[in-house]
Amino acid sequence: MTNLVIQRAIDLAGSQQKLAELCGVKQPTVWRWLHGGRVDAKNVMSVVRATEGQIQAHELRPDLPDVFPQPETTPIITP
């Protein structure tokens, strides 16, 4: 099962190796993330930084909403 969020991060970084370097991990770690392994909570923000915020923390770990909440949306009010 391919993690599409990590695939986007790899695409943004340019390669698994480049994402690994930007995140301070080894390439096999990124491969594991891509193939269904969870991104450790301690690495979530490094992926966010590596992608210049194009990948958000809550996308990487939606199972931790108290730690990485989704951004609040403002309802559109029409007159």
C-alpha atoms as a PDB file:
ATOM      1  CA  MET A   1       0.000   0.000   0.000  1.00  0.00           C
ATOM      2  CA  THR A   2       1.586   3.256  -1.154  1.00  0.00           C
ATOM      3  CA  ASN A   3       1.313   6.281   1.121  1.00  0.00           C
ATOM      4  CA  LEU A   4       0.214   9.009  -1.304  1.00  0.00           C
ATOM      5  CA  VAL A   5       1.137  11.810   1.118  1.00  0.00           C
ATOM      6  CA  ILE A   6       4.715  10.543   1.308  1.00  0.00           C
ATOM      7  CA  GLN A   7       4.740  10.108  -2.471  1.00  0.00           C
ATOM      8  CA  ARG A   8       3.837  13.800  -2.788  1.00  0.00           C
ATOM      9  CA  ALA A   9       6.629  14.666  -0.340  1.00  0.00           C
ATOM     10  CA  ILE A  10       9.117  12.622  -2.378  1.00  0.00           C
ATOM     11  CA  ASP A  11       7.958  14.321  -5.568  1.00  0.00           C
ATOM     12  CA  LEU A  12       8.372  17.743  -3.957  1.00  0.00           C
ATOM     13  CA  ALA A  13      11.843  16.898  -2.627  1.00  0.00           C
ATOM     14  CA  GLY A  14      12.960  15.277  -5.876  1.00  0.00           C
ATOM     15  CA  SER A  15      13.735  11.754  -4.665  1.00  0.00           C
ATOM     16  CA  GLN A  16      13.550   9.434  -1.679  1.00  0.00           C
ATOM     17  CA  GLN A  17      17.218  10.142  -0.991  1.00  0.00           C
ATOM     18  CA  LYS A  18      16.729  13.912  -1.065  1.00  0.00           C
ATOM     19  CA  LEU A  19      13.709  13.731   1.248  1.00  0.00           C
ATOM     20  CA  ALA A  20      15.722  11.522   3.589  1.00  0.00           C
ATOM     21  CA  GLU A  21      18.574  14.037   3.656  1.00  0.00           C
ATOM     22  CA  LEU A  22      16.200  16.934   4.285  1.00  0.00           C
ATOM     23  CA  CYS A  23      14.541  15.012   7.125  1.00  0.00           C
ATOM     24  CA  GLY A  24      17.732  13.725   8.725  1.00  0.00           C
ATOM     25  CA  VAL A  25      16.886  10.067   8.158  1.00  0.00           C
ATOM     26  CA  LYS A  26      18.213   7.343   5.877  1.00  0.00           C
ATOM     27  CA  GLN A  27      16.617   6.543   2.516  1.00  0.00           C
ATOM     28  CA  PRO A  28      15.289   3.141   3.680  1.00  0.00           C
ATOM     29  CA  THR A  29      13.249   5.004   6.301  1.00  0.00           C
ATOM     30  CA  VAL A  30      11.562   7.040   3.578  1.00  0.00           C
ATOM     31  CA  TRP A  31      10.966   3.814   1.619  1.00  0.00           C
ATOM     32  CA  ARG A  32       9.218   2.333   4.688  1.00  0.00           C
ATOM     33  CA  TRP A  33       7.068   5.471   5.043  1.00  0.00           C
ATOM     34  CA  LEU A  34       6.140   5.192   1.374  1.00  0.00           C
ATOM     35  CA  HIS A  35       5.158   1.546   1.681  1.00  0.00           C
ATOM     36  CA  GLY A  36       2.842   1.796   4.667  1.00  0.00           C
ATOM     37  CA  GLY A  37       5.069   2.551   7.640  1.00  0.00           C
ATOM     38  CA  ARG A  38       3.983   5.405   9.856  1.00  0.00           C
ATOM     39  CA  VAL A  39       6.101   8.503  10.021  1.00  0.00           C
ATOM     40  CA  ASP A  40       7.325   8.666  13.608  1.00  0.00           C
ATOM     41  CA  ALA A  41       5.832  11.689  15.360  1.00  0.00           C
ATOM     42  CA  LYS A  42       9.354  13.048  15.941  1.00  0.00           C
ATOM     43  CA  ASN A  43       9.881  13.171  12.143  1.00  0.00           C
ATOM     44  CA  VAL A  44       6.587  14.749  11.142  1.00  0.00           C
ATOM     45  CA  MET A  45       7.751  18.362  11.333  1.00  0.00           C
ATOM     46  CA  SER A  46      10.923  17.587   9.396  1.00  0.00           C
ATOM     47  CA  VAL A  47       8.753  16.380   6.488  1.00  0.00           C
ATOM     48  CA  VAL A  48       6.650  19.533   6.782  1.00  0.00           C
ATOM     49  CA  ARG A  49       9.798  21.682   6.658  1.00  0.00           C
ATOM     50  CA  ALA A  50      11.329  19.622   3.823  1.00  0.00           C
ATOM     51  CA  THR A  51       8.230  20.303   1.721  1.00  0.00           C
ATOM     52  CA  GLU A  52       8.063  23.954   2.762  1.00  0.00           C
ATOM     53  CA  GLY A  53       4.648  23.347   4.311  1.00  0.00           C
ATOM     54  CA  GLN A  54       3.105  21.844   1.194  1.00  0.00           C
ATOM     55  CA  ILE A  55       2.627  18.664   3.228  1.00  0.00           C
ATOM     56  CA  GLN A  56       0.962  19.412   6.550  1.00  0.00           C
ATOM     57  CA  ALA A  57       1.476  17.539   9.801  1.00  0.00           C
ATOM     58  CA  HIS A  58      -2.110  16.337  10.080  1.00  0.00           C
ATOM     59  CA  GLU A  59      -1.811  14.704   6.643  1.00  0.00           C
ATOM     60  CA  LEU A  60       1.113  12.589   7.848  1.00  0.00           C
ATOM     61  CA  ARG A  61      -0.424  11.502  11.157  1.00  0.00           C
ATOM     62  CA  PRO A  62      -4.213  11.891  11.032  1.00  0.00           C
ATOM     63  CA  ASP A  63      -4.338   9.334  13.853  1.00  0.00           C
ATOM     64  CA  LEU A  64      -2.882  11.953  16.246  1.00  0.00           C
ATOM     65  CA  PRO A  65      -5.405  14.824  16.016  1.00  0.00           C
ATOM     66  CA  ASP A  66      -4.527  16.132  19.490  1.00  0.00           C
ATOM     67  CA  VAL A  67      -0.864  16.462  18.499  1.00  0.00           C
ATOM     68  CA  PHE A  68      -1.300  17.439  14.828  1.00  0.00           C
ATOM     69  CA  PRO A  69      -4.777  19.006  14.515  1.00  0.00           C
ATOM     70  CA  GLN A  70      -6.285  19.886  11.186  1.00  0.00           C
ATOM     71  CA  PRO A  71      -6.335  23.619  10.497  1.00  0.00           C
ATOM     72  CA  GLU A  72      -9.592  25.226  11.405  1.00  0.00           C
ATOM     73  CA  THR A  73     -11.710  26.347   8.531  1.00  0.00           C
ATOM     74  CA  THR A  74     -13.705  29.511   8.630  1.00  0.00           C
ATOM     75  CA  PRO A  75     -17.261  29.042   7.461  1.00  0.00           C
ATOM     76  CA  ILE A  76     -18.263  31.199   4.519  1.00  0.00           C
ATOM     77  CA  ILE A  77     -21.159  33.419   5.487  1.00  0.00           C
ATOM     78  CA  THR A  78     -23.198  34.800   2.653  1.00  0.00           C
ATOM     79  CA  PRO A  79     -25.550  37.741   3.147  1.00  0.00           C
END
